[in-house]
Amino acid sequence: MQTIKINLKKIEKEKLISVINLLKQGRVIIFPTDTVYIPVADATSRKAVKKVFQIKQRSPKNPIPIFVKNIEAAKKIAKINKVQEKFLETVWPGRVTVVLKRLRTSKNSVRGNKKTKMRIYGVAKNTIALRIPDLKPMNFLLKKLDIPLVGTSANISGKPASGNIKEVLRQFKRKEHQPDLIIDAGNLAKSKPSIVLDLTTSPPKIIRS
């Protein structure tokens, strides 16, 4: 597995642009976040999302969370009322994933000079789990790509998520399906995966704390 080292304290544009170009090609890249390492992929690419499930050995029936660049981007793919929006403004960017009702048809997304309907793969039929991470290199990817990205943890299903780069490498070593690139930022600050809140219920429900 090819590995590139990055420094999380600064934006290394040349390295991040190379990551962006690979993501545009439907590749899957292990990348650091403000919680744990994740397999980053274009959430609008069926092929890329399928590969994420294969790498994680995860059932396609088990939906995955999605990263977005801002609340406006979230509103293109999820139903967000004013009360929910005010709440999201207090927790995003940050370590909180929220489950929202999906829009039946996504709002227009501009790609190049064309407006297209955006389809997100790997999510549930009626709901979608969204988060805006709080890490500059990841936020740089989201803003430059201007598309939602897969935001699930980089681990084989059933094994713990990790911010330890050696553990991440060990889990995927010699596996049939592997990521196309691993971005090595060293061992991340100790953190649990994000809190998950279900905002489709009243009152909201904590799914993972």
N, C-alpha and C. Protein backbone atom coordinates (compact mmCIF):
# COMPACT_ATOMS: atom_id res chain seq x y z
N MET A 1 0.84 -1.19 0.00
CA MET A 1 0.00 0.00 0.00
C MET A 1 0.88 1.25 0.00
N GLN A 2 0.63 2.14 -0.93
CA GLN A 2 1.41 3.38 -1.00
C GLN A 2 1.03 4.30 0.16
N THR A 3 2.04 4.94 0.75
CA THR A 3 1.81 5.82 1.89
C THR A 3 2.47 7.17 1.66
N ILE A 4 1.76 8.24 2.03
CA ILE A 4 2.31 9.60 1.98
C ILE A 4 2.15 10.21 3.36
N LYS A 5 3.21 10.82 3.88
CA LYS A 5 3.15 11.46 5.19
C LYS A 5 2.72 12.92 5.04
N ILE A 6 1.87 13.37 5.97
CA ILE A 6 1.49 14.78 5.99
C ILE A 6 1.56 15.32 7.42
N ASN A 7 1.65 16.65 7.50
CA ASN A 7 1.66 17.35 8.77
C ASN A 7 0.29 17.99 8.97
N LEU A 8 -0.41 17.59 10.01
CA LEU A 8 -1.77 18.09 10.24
C LEU A 8 -1.81 19.55 10.68
N LYS A 9 -0.66 20.10 11.05
CA LYS A 9 -0.63 21.47 11.53
C LYS A 9 -0.61 22.50 10.41
N LYS A 10 -0.48 22.03 9.17
CA LYS A 10 -0.49 22.97 8.05
C LYS A 10 -1.13 22.33 6.83
N ILE A 11 -1.50 23.16 5.88
CA ILE A 11 -2.10 22.68 4.63
C ILE A 11 -0.98 22.47 3.62
N GLU A 12 -0.66 21.22 3.33
CA GLU A 12 0.35 20.90 2.32
C GLU A 12 -0.36 20.73 0.98
N LYS A 13 -0.53 21.84 0.29
CA LYS A 13 -1.41 21.88 -0.89
C LYS A 13 -1.02 20.87 -1.95
N GLU A 14 0.25 20.74 -2.24
CA GLU A 14 0.68 19.83 -3.31
C GLU A 14 0.24 18.39 -3.02
N LYS A 15 0.42 17.96 -1.78
CA LYS A 15 0.02 16.60 -1.41
C LYS A 15 -1.50 16.45 -1.42
N LEU A 16 -2.19 17.47 -0.92
CA LEU A 16 -3.65 17.40 -0.86
C LEU A 16 -4.28 17.46 -2.24
N ILE A 17 -3.69 18.22 -3.14
CA ILE A 17 -4.20 18.27 -4.52
C ILE A 17 -4.06 16.90 -5.18
N SER A 18 -2.96 16.19 -4.88
CA SER A 18 -2.80 14.84 -5.44
C SER A 18 -3.87 13.90 -4.89
N VAL A 19 -4.24 14.08 -3.62
CA VAL A 19 -5.33 13.30 -3.03
C VAL A 19 -6.64 13.61 -3.73
N ILE A 20 -6.90 14.89 -3.95
CA ILE A 20 -8.12 15.32 -4.63
C ILE A 20 -8.23 14.70 -6.01
N ASN A 21 -7.13 14.70 -6.75
CA ASN A 21 -7.14 14.12 -8.10
C ASN A 21 -7.46 12.63 -8.06
N LEU A 22 -6.95 11.93 -7.07
CA LEU A 22 -7.24 10.50 -6.94
C LEU A 22 -8.71 10.28 -6.58
N LEU A 23 -9.24 11.11 -5.69
CA LEU A 23 -10.65 10.98 -5.31
C LEU A 23 -11.57 11.22 -6.50
N LYS A 24 -11.19 12.13 -7.37
CA LYS A 24 -11.97 12.40 -8.58
C LYS A 24 -12.00 11.19 -9.51
N GLN A 25 -10.99 10.33 -9.38
CA GLN A 25 -10.90 9.12 -10.21
C GLN A 25 -11.62 7.93 -9.57
N GLY A 26 -12.27 8.17 -8.43
CA GLY A 26 -12.99 7.08 -7.76
C GLY A 26 -12.14 6.22 -6.86
N ARG A 27 -10.97 6.76 -6.46
CA ARG A 27 -10.08 5.99 -5.58
C ARG A 27 -10.52 6.12 -4.12
N VAL A 28 -10.02 5.20 -3.30
CA VAL A 28 -10.30 5.21 -1.86
C VAL A 28 -8.99 5.46 -1.12
N ILE A 29 -9.00 6.45 -0.23
CA ILE A 29 -7.78 6.88 0.44
C ILE A 29 -7.99 6.93 1.95
N ILE A 30 -7.11 6.28 2.69
CA ILE A 30 -7.17 6.37 4.15
C ILE A 30 -6.63 7.74 4.55
N PHE A 31 -7.43 8.47 5.35
CA PHE A 31 -7.10 9.87 5.66
C PHE A 31 -7.41 10.15 7.14
N PRO A 32 -6.60 11.00 7.79
CA PRO A 32 -6.86 11.33 9.19
C PRO A 32 -8.03 12.30 9.35
N THR A 33 -8.70 12.22 10.49
CA THR A 33 -9.75 13.19 10.82
C THR A 33 -9.53 13.69 12.24
N ASP A 34 -10.50 14.41 12.76
CA ASP A 34 -10.42 14.90 14.14
C ASP A 34 -10.78 13.82 15.15
N THR A 35 -11.12 12.63 14.67
CA THR A 35 -11.40 11.50 15.58
C THR A 35 -10.47 10.33 15.28
N VAL A 36 -10.71 9.63 14.18
CA VAL A 36 -9.90 8.46 13.81
C VAL A 36 -9.59 8.53 12.31
N TYR A 37 -8.81 7.57 11.84
CA TYR A 37 -8.56 7.47 10.39
C TYR A 37 -9.82 6.95 9.70
N ILE A 38 -10.06 7.43 8.47
CA ILE A 38 -11.23 6.99 7.71
C ILE A 38 -10.84 6.68 6.26
N PRO A 39 -11.61 5.85 5.56
CA PRO A 39 -11.41 5.68 4.13
C PRO A 39 -12.22 6.75 3.38
N VAL A 40 -11.53 7.73 2.85
CA VAL A 40 -12.20 8.82 2.13
C VAL A 40 -12.51 8.35 0.71
N ALA A 41 -13.72 8.67 0.24
CA ALA A 41 -14.12 8.35 -1.13
C ALA A 41 -15.26 9.27 -1.54
N ASP A 42 -15.42 9.44 -2.83
CA ASP A 42 -16.51 10.24 -3.39
C ASP A 42 -17.84 9.55 -3.12
N ALA A 43 -18.66 10.16 -2.29
CA ALA A 43 -19.94 9.54 -1.92
C ALA A 43 -20.95 9.54 -3.06
N THR A 44 -20.65 10.25 -4.15
CA THR A 44 -21.54 10.26 -5.32
C THR A 44 -21.11 9.25 -6.38
N SER A 45 -20.06 8.49 -6.08
CA SER A 45 -19.56 7.47 -7.01
C SER A 45 -19.93 6.08 -6.51
N ARG A 46 -20.80 5.39 -7.25
CA ARG A 46 -21.20 4.03 -6.86
C ARG A 46 -19.97 3.12 -6.73
N LYS A 47 -19.05 3.23 -7.69
CA LYS A 47 -17.87 2.38 -7.71
C LYS A 47 -16.98 2.63 -6.49
N ALA A 48 -16.77 3.90 -6.16
CA ALA A 48 -15.91 4.24 -5.03
C ALA A 48 -16.52 3.77 -3.71
N VAL A 49 -17.82 3.98 -3.54
CA VAL A 49 -18.49 3.58 -2.30
C VAL A 49 -18.50 2.06 -2.17
N LYS A 50 -18.71 1.36 -3.28
CA LYS A 50 -18.67 -0.11 -3.25
C LYS A 50 -17.31 -0.59 -2.77
N LYS A 51 -16.25 0.08 -3.22
CA LYS A 51 -14.91 -0.32 -2.81
C LYS A 51 -14.69 -0.10 -1.31
N VAL A 52 -15.27 0.98 -0.77
CA VAL A 52 -15.17 1.22 0.68
C VAL A 52 -15.77 0.05 1.45
N PHE A 53 -16.95 -0.40 1.03
CA PHE A 53 -17.59 -1.54 1.68
C PHE A 53 -16.73 -2.79 1.57
N GLN A 54 -16.11 -2.99 0.41
CA GLN A 54 -15.25 -4.15 0.21
C GLN A 54 -14.02 -4.09 1.11
N ILE A 55 -13.41 -2.91 1.20
CA ILE A 55 -12.21 -2.74 2.03
C ILE A 55 -12.52 -3.00 3.49
N LYS A 56 -13.66 -2.50 3.95
CA LYS A 56 -14.05 -2.67 5.34
C LYS A 56 -14.69 -4.03 5.63
N GLN A 57 -14.96 -4.80 4.56
CA GLN A 57 -15.69 -6.07 4.70
C GLN A 57 -17.01 -5.82 5.43
N ARG A 58 -17.69 -4.79 4.99
CA ARG A 58 -18.92 -4.32 5.62
C ARG A 58 -20.11 -4.65 4.73
N SER A 59 -21.21 -5.05 5.33
CA SER A 59 -22.41 -5.36 4.57
C SER A 59 -22.98 -4.09 3.95
N PRO A 60 -23.36 -4.13 2.67
CA PRO A 60 -23.99 -2.97 2.03
C PRO A 60 -25.30 -2.56 2.70
N LYS A 61 -25.85 -3.47 3.51
CA LYS A 61 -27.10 -3.16 4.22
C LYS A 61 -26.85 -2.27 5.45
N ASN A 62 -25.56 -2.07 5.76
CA ASN A 62 -25.19 -1.26 6.93
C ASN A 62 -24.73 0.12 6.44
N PRO A 63 -25.58 1.14 6.51
CA PRO A 63 -25.26 2.45 5.93
C PRO A 63 -24.01 3.08 6.54
N ILE A 64 -23.41 3.98 5.78
CA ILE A 64 -22.21 4.68 6.26
C ILE A 64 -22.47 6.18 6.38
N PRO A 65 -21.77 6.85 7.29
CA PRO A 65 -21.92 8.30 7.43
C PRO A 65 -21.22 9.06 6.32
N ILE A 66 -21.63 10.30 6.14
CA ILE A 66 -21.14 11.14 5.05
C ILE A 66 -20.61 12.46 5.60
N PHE A 67 -19.47 12.93 5.06
CA PHE A 67 -18.93 14.24 5.40
C PHE A 67 -19.40 15.27 4.38
N VAL A 68 -19.74 16.46 4.84
CA VAL A 68 -20.09 17.57 3.96
C VAL A 68 -19.26 18.79 4.35
N LYS A 69 -19.18 19.76 3.43
CA LYS A 69 -18.30 20.91 3.68
C LYS A 69 -18.93 21.96 4.58
N ASN A 70 -20.26 22.09 4.54
CA ASN A 70 -20.95 23.08 5.37
C ASN A 70 -22.43 22.72 5.47
N ILE A 71 -23.17 23.51 6.23
CA ILE A 71 -24.59 23.23 6.43
C ILE A 71 -25.38 23.37 5.14
N GLU A 72 -25.01 24.33 4.30
CA GLU A 72 -25.70 24.50 3.02
C GLU A 72 -25.56 23.24 2.17
N ALA A 73 -24.40 22.62 2.20
CA ALA A 73 -24.20 21.37 1.46
C ALA A 73 -25.05 20.26 2.05
N ALA A 74 -25.18 20.25 3.37
CA ALA A 74 -26.02 19.25 4.03
C ALA A 74 -27.48 19.40 3.62
N LYS A 75 -27.92 20.65 3.46
CA LYS A 75 -29.32 20.92 3.11
C LYS A 75 -29.67 20.48 1.69
N LYS A 76 -28.66 20.18 0.88
CA LYS A 76 -28.91 19.69 -0.48
C LYS A 76 -29.28 18.21 -0.50
N ILE A 77 -28.95 17.51 0.59
CA ILE A 77 -29.19 16.07 0.60
C ILE A 77 -30.02 15.60 1.81
N ALA A 78 -30.32 16.53 2.72
CA ALA A 78 -31.09 16.16 3.91
C ALA A 78 -32.11 17.24 4.25
N LYS A 79 -33.17 16.83 4.93
CA LYS A 79 -34.18 17.78 5.39
C LYS A 79 -33.71 18.37 6.72
N ILE A 80 -33.53 19.68 6.74
CA ILE A 80 -33.04 20.36 7.94
C ILE A 80 -33.94 21.55 8.22
N ASN A 81 -34.66 21.50 9.34
CA ASN A 81 -35.52 22.64 9.68
C ASN A 81 -34.72 23.70 10.44
N LYS A 82 -35.36 24.81 10.76
CA LYS A 82 -34.65 25.93 11.38
C LYS A 82 -34.10 25.58 12.76
N VAL A 83 -34.86 24.82 13.52
CA VAL A 83 -34.40 24.41 14.86
C VAL A 83 -33.16 23.52 14.74
N GLN A 84 -33.22 22.56 13.82
CA GLN A 84 -32.09 21.66 13.60
C GLN A 84 -30.87 22.44 13.10
N GLU A 85 -31.11 23.40 12.21
CA GLU A 85 -29.99 24.18 11.67
C GLU A 85 -29.28 24.96 12.78
N LYS A 86 -30.05 25.56 13.67
CA LYS A 86 -29.44 26.30 14.78
C LYS A 86 -28.62 25.37 15.67
N PHE A 87 -29.13 24.16 15.88
CA PHE A 87 -28.37 23.19 16.67
C PHE A 87 -27.08 22.80 15.96
N LEU A 88 -27.17 22.55 14.66
CA LEU A 88 -25.99 22.14 13.90
C LEU A 88 -24.91 23.22 13.92
N GLU A 89 -25.34 24.47 13.94
CA GLU A 89 -24.38 25.58 14.00
C GLU A 89 -23.56 25.56 15.29
N THR A 90 -24.09 24.91 16.32
CA THR A 90 -23.37 24.85 17.61
C THR A 90 -22.43 23.64 17.71
N VAL A 91 -22.64 22.62 16.88
CA VAL A 91 -21.82 21.40 16.99
C VAL A 91 -20.93 21.13 15.77
N TRP A 92 -21.17 21.83 14.70
CA TRP A 92 -20.35 21.68 13.48
C TRP A 92 -19.51 22.92 13.22
N PRO A 93 -18.28 22.77 12.75
CA PRO A 93 -17.56 21.50 12.61
C PRO A 93 -17.22 20.91 13.98
N GLY A 94 -17.21 19.60 14.04
CA GLY A 94 -16.93 18.95 15.31
C GLY A 94 -17.20 17.46 15.28
N ARG A 95 -17.09 16.85 16.44
CA ARG A 95 -17.16 15.39 16.56
C ARG A 95 -18.57 14.90 16.83
N VAL A 96 -19.51 15.41 16.07
CA VAL A 96 -20.91 15.02 16.21
C VAL A 96 -21.48 14.65 14.85
N THR A 97 -21.94 13.43 14.72
CA THR A 97 -22.64 12.96 13.52
C THR A 97 -24.13 12.99 13.81
N VAL A 98 -24.91 13.53 12.88
CA VAL A 98 -26.36 13.59 13.09
C VAL A 98 -27.08 12.80 12.01
N VAL A 99 -28.12 12.09 12.43
CA VAL A 99 -28.97 11.36 11.50
C VAL A 99 -30.17 12.24 11.17
N LEU A 100 -30.38 12.48 9.88
CA LEU A 100 -31.46 13.35 9.40
C LEU A 100 -32.29 12.61 8.36
N LYS A 101 -33.46 13.14 8.08
CA LYS A 101 -34.27 12.58 7.00
C LYS A 101 -33.67 12.98 5.67
N ARG A 102 -33.60 12.01 4.75
CA ARG A 102 -33.05 12.29 3.42
C ARG A 102 -34.05 13.06 2.57
N LEU A 103 -33.51 13.87 1.67
CA LEU A 103 -34.35 14.44 0.63
C LEU A 103 -34.59 13.36 -0.41
N ARG A 104 -35.81 13.21 -0.88
CA ARG A 104 -36.11 12.20 -1.90
C ARG A 104 -35.30 12.45 -3.16
N THR A 105 -35.22 13.72 -3.54
CA THR A 105 -34.40 14.12 -4.69
C THR A 105 -33.46 15.21 -4.23
N SER A 106 -32.16 15.00 -4.41
CA SER A 106 -31.20 16.00 -3.96
C SER A 106 -31.35 17.27 -4.78
N LYS A 107 -30.98 18.39 -4.17
CA LYS A 107 -31.03 19.66 -4.88
C LYS A 107 -29.88 19.72 -5.87
N ASN A 108 -29.98 20.65 -6.82
CA ASN A 108 -28.98 20.74 -7.87
C ASN A 108 -27.58 20.94 -7.30
N SER A 109 -26.63 20.24 -7.89
CA SER A 109 -25.22 20.40 -7.57
C SER A 109 -24.51 20.85 -8.83
N VAL A 110 -23.64 21.83 -8.71
CA VAL A 110 -22.93 22.34 -9.88
C VAL A 110 -21.60 21.61 -10.02
N ARG A 111 -21.40 20.99 -11.17
CA ARG A 111 -20.14 20.34 -11.50
C ARG A 111 -19.64 20.93 -12.80
N GLY A 112 -18.53 21.64 -12.72
CA GLY A 112 -18.08 22.36 -13.90
C GLY A 112 -19.09 23.43 -14.23
N ASN A 113 -19.63 23.40 -15.44
CA ASN A 113 -20.67 24.36 -15.83
C ASN A 113 -22.05 23.72 -15.86
N LYS A 114 -22.14 22.48 -15.37
CA LYS A 114 -23.41 21.76 -15.45
C LYS A 114 -24.06 21.59 -14.09
N LYS A 115 -25.38 21.71 -14.07
CA LYS A 115 -26.15 21.45 -12.86
C LYS A 115 -26.69 20.03 -12.95
N THR A 116 -26.42 19.24 -11.93
CA THR A 116 -26.88 17.85 -11.94
C THR A 116 -27.55 17.50 -10.62
N LYS A 117 -28.41 16.49 -10.65
CA LYS A 117 -29.00 15.96 -9.43
C LYS A 117 -27.97 15.04 -8.78
N MET A 118 -27.69 15.27 -7.51
CA MET A 118 -26.66 14.52 -6.82
C MET A 118 -27.25 13.28 -6.15
N ARG A 119 -26.63 12.14 -6.39
CA ARG A 119 -27.06 10.90 -5.74
C ARG A 119 -25.96 10.43 -4.79
N ILE A 120 -26.37 10.11 -3.57
CA ILE A 120 -25.42 9.65 -2.56
C ILE A 120 -25.58 8.14 -2.38
N TYR A 121 -24.46 7.43 -2.41
CA TYR A 121 -24.49 5.97 -2.28
C TYR A 121 -24.06 5.53 -0.87
N GLY A 122 -24.49 4.34 -0.49
CA GLY A 122 -24.07 3.76 0.78
C GLY A 122 -24.84 4.23 1.99
N VAL A 123 -25.97 4.92 1.76
CA VAL A 123 -26.76 5.44 2.88
C VAL A 123 -28.12 4.75 2.93
N ALA A 124 -28.85 4.97 4.02
CA ALA A 124 -30.16 4.35 4.18
C ALA A 124 -31.18 4.96 3.21
N LYS A 125 -32.29 4.28 3.05
CA LYS A 125 -33.31 4.72 2.09
C LYS A 125 -33.96 6.03 2.51
N ASN A 126 -34.23 6.19 3.79
CA ASN A 126 -34.99 7.35 4.25
C ASN A 126 -34.21 8.32 5.13
N THR A 127 -33.05 7.91 5.59
CA THR A 127 -32.25 8.77 6.47
C THR A 127 -30.81 8.85 5.98
N ILE A 128 -30.08 9.82 6.52
CA ILE A 128 -28.68 9.98 6.16
C ILE A 128 -27.92 10.53 7.36
N ALA A 129 -26.74 9.99 7.63
CA ALA A 129 -25.91 10.44 8.75
C ALA A 129 -24.84 11.39 8.22
N LEU A 130 -24.79 12.61 8.76
CA LEU A 130 -23.90 13.64 8.24
C LEU A 130 -23.01 14.22 9.34
N ARG A 131 -21.84 14.71 8.91
CA ARG A 131 -20.93 15.39 9.84
C ARG A 131 -20.04 16.36 9.08
N ILE A 132 -19.66 17.43 9.74
CA ILE A 132 -18.60 18.31 9.25
C ILE A 132 -17.43 18.14 10.22
N PRO A 133 -16.33 17.54 9.78
CA PRO A 133 -15.19 17.32 10.67
C PRO A 133 -14.49 18.64 11.00
N ASP A 134 -13.69 18.61 12.06
CA ASP A 134 -12.96 19.80 12.48
C ASP A 134 -11.46 19.55 12.33
N LEU A 135 -11.02 19.47 11.09
CA LEU A 135 -9.61 19.25 10.78
C LEU A 135 -9.30 19.92 9.45
N LYS A 136 -8.36 20.85 9.45
CA LYS A 136 -8.12 21.69 8.28
C LYS A 136 -7.83 20.92 6.99
N PRO A 137 -6.95 19.92 7.00
CA PRO A 137 -6.70 19.19 5.75
C PRO A 137 -7.96 18.52 5.19
N MET A 138 -8.79 17.95 6.06
CA MET A 138 -10.03 17.32 5.60
C MET A 138 -11.01 18.37 5.09
N ASN A 139 -11.11 19.49 5.79
CA ASN A 139 -11.99 20.56 5.34
C ASN A 139 -11.53 21.13 3.99
N PHE A 140 -10.21 21.14 3.77
CA PHE A 140 -9.66 21.59 2.49
C PHE A 140 -10.14 20.67 1.37
N LEU A 141 -10.09 19.36 1.59
CA LEU A 141 -10.57 18.40 0.59
C LEU A 141 -12.04 18.63 0.27
N LEU A 142 -12.84 18.77 1.31
CA LEU A 142 -14.29 18.94 1.13
C LEU A 142 -14.62 20.20 0.34
N LYS A 143 -13.93 21.29 0.64
CA LYS A 143 -14.21 22.56 -0.04
C LYS A 143 -13.74 22.53 -1.49
N LYS A 144 -12.57 21.97 -1.72
CA LYS A 144 -12.04 21.94 -3.09
C LYS A 144 -12.82 20.97 -3.98
N LEU A 145 -13.21 19.84 -3.44
CA LEU A 145 -13.97 18.86 -4.23
C LEU A 145 -15.42 19.28 -4.41
N ASP A 146 -15.99 19.91 -3.38
CA ASP A 146 -17.37 20.39 -3.39
C ASP A 146 -18.37 19.24 -3.62
N ILE A 147 -18.05 18.10 -3.04
CA ILE A 147 -18.97 16.95 -3.06
C ILE A 147 -18.91 16.27 -1.70
N PRO A 148 -19.97 15.56 -1.31
CA PRO A 148 -19.93 14.80 -0.06
C PRO A 148 -18.91 13.66 -0.16
N LEU A 149 -18.28 13.35 0.97
CA LEU A 149 -17.31 12.27 1.03
C LEU A 149 -17.73 11.23 2.06
N VAL A 150 -17.36 10.00 1.81
CA VAL A 150 -17.60 8.93 2.78
C VAL A 150 -16.86 9.26 4.07
N GLY A 151 -17.53 9.10 5.22
CA GLY A 151 -16.92 9.46 6.50
C GLY A 151 -16.96 8.36 7.54
N THR A 152 -16.79 7.11 7.12
CA THR A 152 -16.80 5.98 8.05
C THR A 152 -15.39 5.66 8.52
N SER A 153 -15.25 4.94 9.61
CA SER A 153 -13.93 4.68 10.17
C SER A 153 -13.14 3.65 9.36
N ALA A 154 -11.81 3.78 9.42
CA ALA A 154 -10.92 2.91 8.65
C ALA A 154 -10.57 1.67 9.46
N ASN A 155 -11.50 0.74 9.49
CA ASN A 155 -11.27 -0.52 10.19
C ASN A 155 -12.08 -1.63 9.52
N ILE A 156 -11.61 -2.84 9.67
CA ILE A 156 -12.39 -3.98 9.23
C ILE A 156 -13.62 -4.07 10.12
N SER A 157 -14.79 -4.29 9.54
CA SER A 157 -16.02 -4.35 10.32
C SER A 157 -15.89 -5.35 11.47
N GLY A 158 -16.29 -4.90 12.66
CA GLY A 158 -16.19 -5.73 13.85
C GLY A 158 -14.95 -5.47 14.66
N LYS A 159 -13.96 -4.78 14.06
CA LYS A 159 -12.74 -4.42 14.78
C LYS A 159 -12.81 -2.94 15.16
N PRO A 160 -12.07 -2.53 16.20
CA PRO A 160 -12.17 -1.15 16.67
C PRO A 160 -11.59 -0.14 15.68
N ALA A 161 -12.22 1.04 15.64
CA ALA A 161 -11.67 2.16 14.86
C ALA A 161 -10.41 2.64 15.57
N SER A 162 -9.50 3.27 14.82
CA SER A 162 -8.23 3.63 15.44
C SER A 162 -7.65 4.92 14.86
N GLY A 163 -6.93 5.63 15.73
CA GLY A 163 -6.15 6.77 15.29
C GLY A 163 -4.67 6.42 15.28
N ASN A 164 -4.37 5.15 15.52
CA ASN A 164 -2.99 4.66 15.52
C ASN A 164 -2.65 4.16 14.12
N ILE A 165 -1.72 4.82 13.46
CA ILE A 165 -1.44 4.52 12.06
C ILE A 165 -0.92 3.09 11.87
N LYS A 166 -0.14 2.58 12.81
CA LYS A 166 0.36 1.21 12.69
C LYS A 166 -0.78 0.20 12.75
N GLU A 167 -1.76 0.47 13.61
CA GLU A 167 -2.91 -0.42 13.72
C GLU A 167 -3.74 -0.38 12.44
N VAL A 168 -3.89 0.81 11.87
CA VAL A 168 -4.64 0.95 10.61
C VAL A 168 -3.95 0.16 9.51
N LEU A 169 -2.63 0.32 9.40
CA LEU A 169 -1.87 -0.41 8.37
C LEU A 169 -1.97 -1.91 8.59
N ARG A 170 -1.91 -2.34 9.84
CA ARG A 170 -1.96 -3.77 10.15
C ARG A 170 -3.29 -4.39 9.73
N GLN A 171 -4.39 -3.65 9.95
CA GLN A 171 -5.71 -4.20 9.64
C GLN A 171 -5.88 -4.47 8.14
N PHE A 172 -5.27 -3.63 7.31
CA PHE A 172 -5.50 -3.78 5.87
C PHE A 172 -4.38 -4.54 5.15
N LYS A 173 -3.34 -4.89 5.87
CA LYS A 173 -2.21 -5.58 5.25
C LYS A 173 -2.62 -6.94 4.73
N ARG A 174 -2.23 -7.24 3.50
CA ARG A 174 -2.47 -8.53 2.85
C ARG A 174 -3.95 -8.87 2.66
N LYS A 175 -4.80 -7.87 2.69
CA LYS A 175 -6.23 -8.10 2.43
C LYS A 175 -6.48 -8.07 0.93
N GLU A 176 -7.53 -8.76 0.50
CA GLU A 176 -7.85 -8.81 -0.93
C GLU A 176 -8.17 -7.42 -1.46
N HIS A 177 -8.97 -6.66 -0.70
CA HIS A 177 -9.33 -5.30 -1.11
C HIS A 177 -8.59 -4.31 -0.21
N GLN A 178 -7.81 -3.43 -0.84
CA GLN A 178 -7.01 -2.48 -0.08
C GLN A 178 -7.26 -1.05 -0.57
N PRO A 179 -7.02 -0.06 0.31
CA PRO A 179 -7.12 1.33 -0.14
C PRO A 179 -6.06 1.63 -1.18
N ASP A 180 -6.32 2.63 -2.01
CA ASP A 180 -5.37 3.00 -3.06
C ASP A 180 -4.19 3.80 -2.52
N LEU A 181 -4.40 4.46 -1.39
CA LEU A 181 -3.35 5.29 -0.80
C LEU A 181 -3.66 5.48 0.68
N ILE A 182 -2.60 5.56 1.48
CA ILE A 182 -2.77 5.86 2.91
C ILE A 182 -2.04 7.15 3.23
N ILE A 183 -2.76 8.09 3.81
CA ILE A 183 -2.15 9.35 4.24
C ILE A 183 -1.78 9.19 5.71
N ASP A 184 -0.49 9.23 5.97
CA ASP A 184 0.06 8.97 7.30
C ASP A 184 0.34 10.30 8.01
N ALA A 185 -0.48 10.59 9.02
CA ALA A 185 -0.27 11.78 9.84
C ALA A 185 0.25 11.37 11.22
N GLY A 186 0.77 10.16 11.32
CA GLY A 186 1.23 9.65 12.60
C GLY A 186 0.05 9.23 13.46
N ASN A 187 0.30 9.06 14.73
CA ASN A 187 -0.77 8.70 15.64
C ASN A 187 -1.59 9.93 15.99
N LEU A 188 -2.90 9.84 15.82
CA LEU A 188 -3.78 10.96 16.10
C LEU A 188 -3.99 11.09 17.61
N ALA A 189 -4.40 12.28 18.03
CA ALA A 189 -4.71 12.48 19.45
C ALA A 189 -5.79 11.48 19.85
N LYS A 190 -5.67 10.91 21.03
CA LYS A 190 -6.62 9.88 21.45
C LYS A 190 -8.04 10.43 21.44
N SER A 191 -8.91 9.72 20.75
CA SER A 191 -10.30 10.17 20.62
C SER A 191 -11.18 8.98 20.27
N LYS A 192 -12.40 9.03 20.72
CA LYS A 192 -13.38 8.04 20.31
C LYS A 192 -13.97 8.47 18.97
N PRO A 193 -14.62 7.55 18.25
CA PRO A 193 -15.39 7.97 17.07
C PRO A 193 -16.43 9.00 17.49
N SER A 194 -16.97 9.71 16.53
CA SER A 194 -17.89 10.81 16.83
C SER A 194 -19.14 10.35 17.57
N ILE A 195 -19.72 11.28 18.33
CA ILE A 195 -21.04 11.06 18.93
C ILE A 195 -22.05 11.00 17.79
N VAL A 196 -23.04 10.13 17.90
CA VAL A 196 -24.08 10.04 16.87
C VAL A 196 -25.43 10.37 17.50
N LEU A 197 -26.10 11.39 16.94
CA LEU A 197 -27.41 11.81 17.42
C LEU A 197 -28.45 11.61 16.33
N ASP A 198 -29.58 11.04 16.68
CA ASP A 198 -30.69 10.86 15.74
C ASP A 198 -31.64 12.05 15.89
N LEU A 199 -31.64 12.93 14.89
CA LEU A 199 -32.51 14.11 14.92
C LEU A 199 -33.84 13.87 14.21
N THR A 200 -34.08 12.62 13.81
CA THR A 200 -35.36 12.32 13.16
C THR A 200 -36.45 12.03 14.18
N THR A 201 -36.06 11.92 15.45
CA THR A 201 -37.03 11.64 16.51
C THR A 201 -37.19 12.87 17.40
N SER A 202 -38.28 12.92 18.14
CA SER A 202 -38.51 14.02 19.07
C SER A 202 -38.88 13.44 20.44
N PRO A 203 -38.02 13.64 21.44
CA PRO A 203 -36.76 14.38 21.39
C PRO A 203 -35.67 13.58 20.67
N PRO A 204 -34.57 14.25 20.28
CA PRO A 204 -33.47 13.54 19.62
C PRO A 204 -32.94 12.41 20.49
N LYS A 205 -32.39 11.40 19.85
CA LYS A 205 -31.92 10.21 20.57
C LYS A 205 -30.42 10.03 20.36
N ILE A 206 -29.71 9.70 21.43
CA ILE A 206 -28.28 9.42 21.32
C ILE A 206 -28.10 7.97 20.88
N ILE A 207 -27.48 7.78 19.72
CA ILE A 207 -27.22 6.43 19.20
C ILE A 207 -25.86 5.94 19.68
N ARG A 208 -24.88 6.86 19.71
CA ARG A 208 -23.53 6.51 20.19
C ARG A 208 -22.98 7.70 20.95
N SER A 209 -22.49 7.45 22.15
CA SER A 209 -21.97 8.55 22.97
C SER A 209 -20.46 8.43 23.13
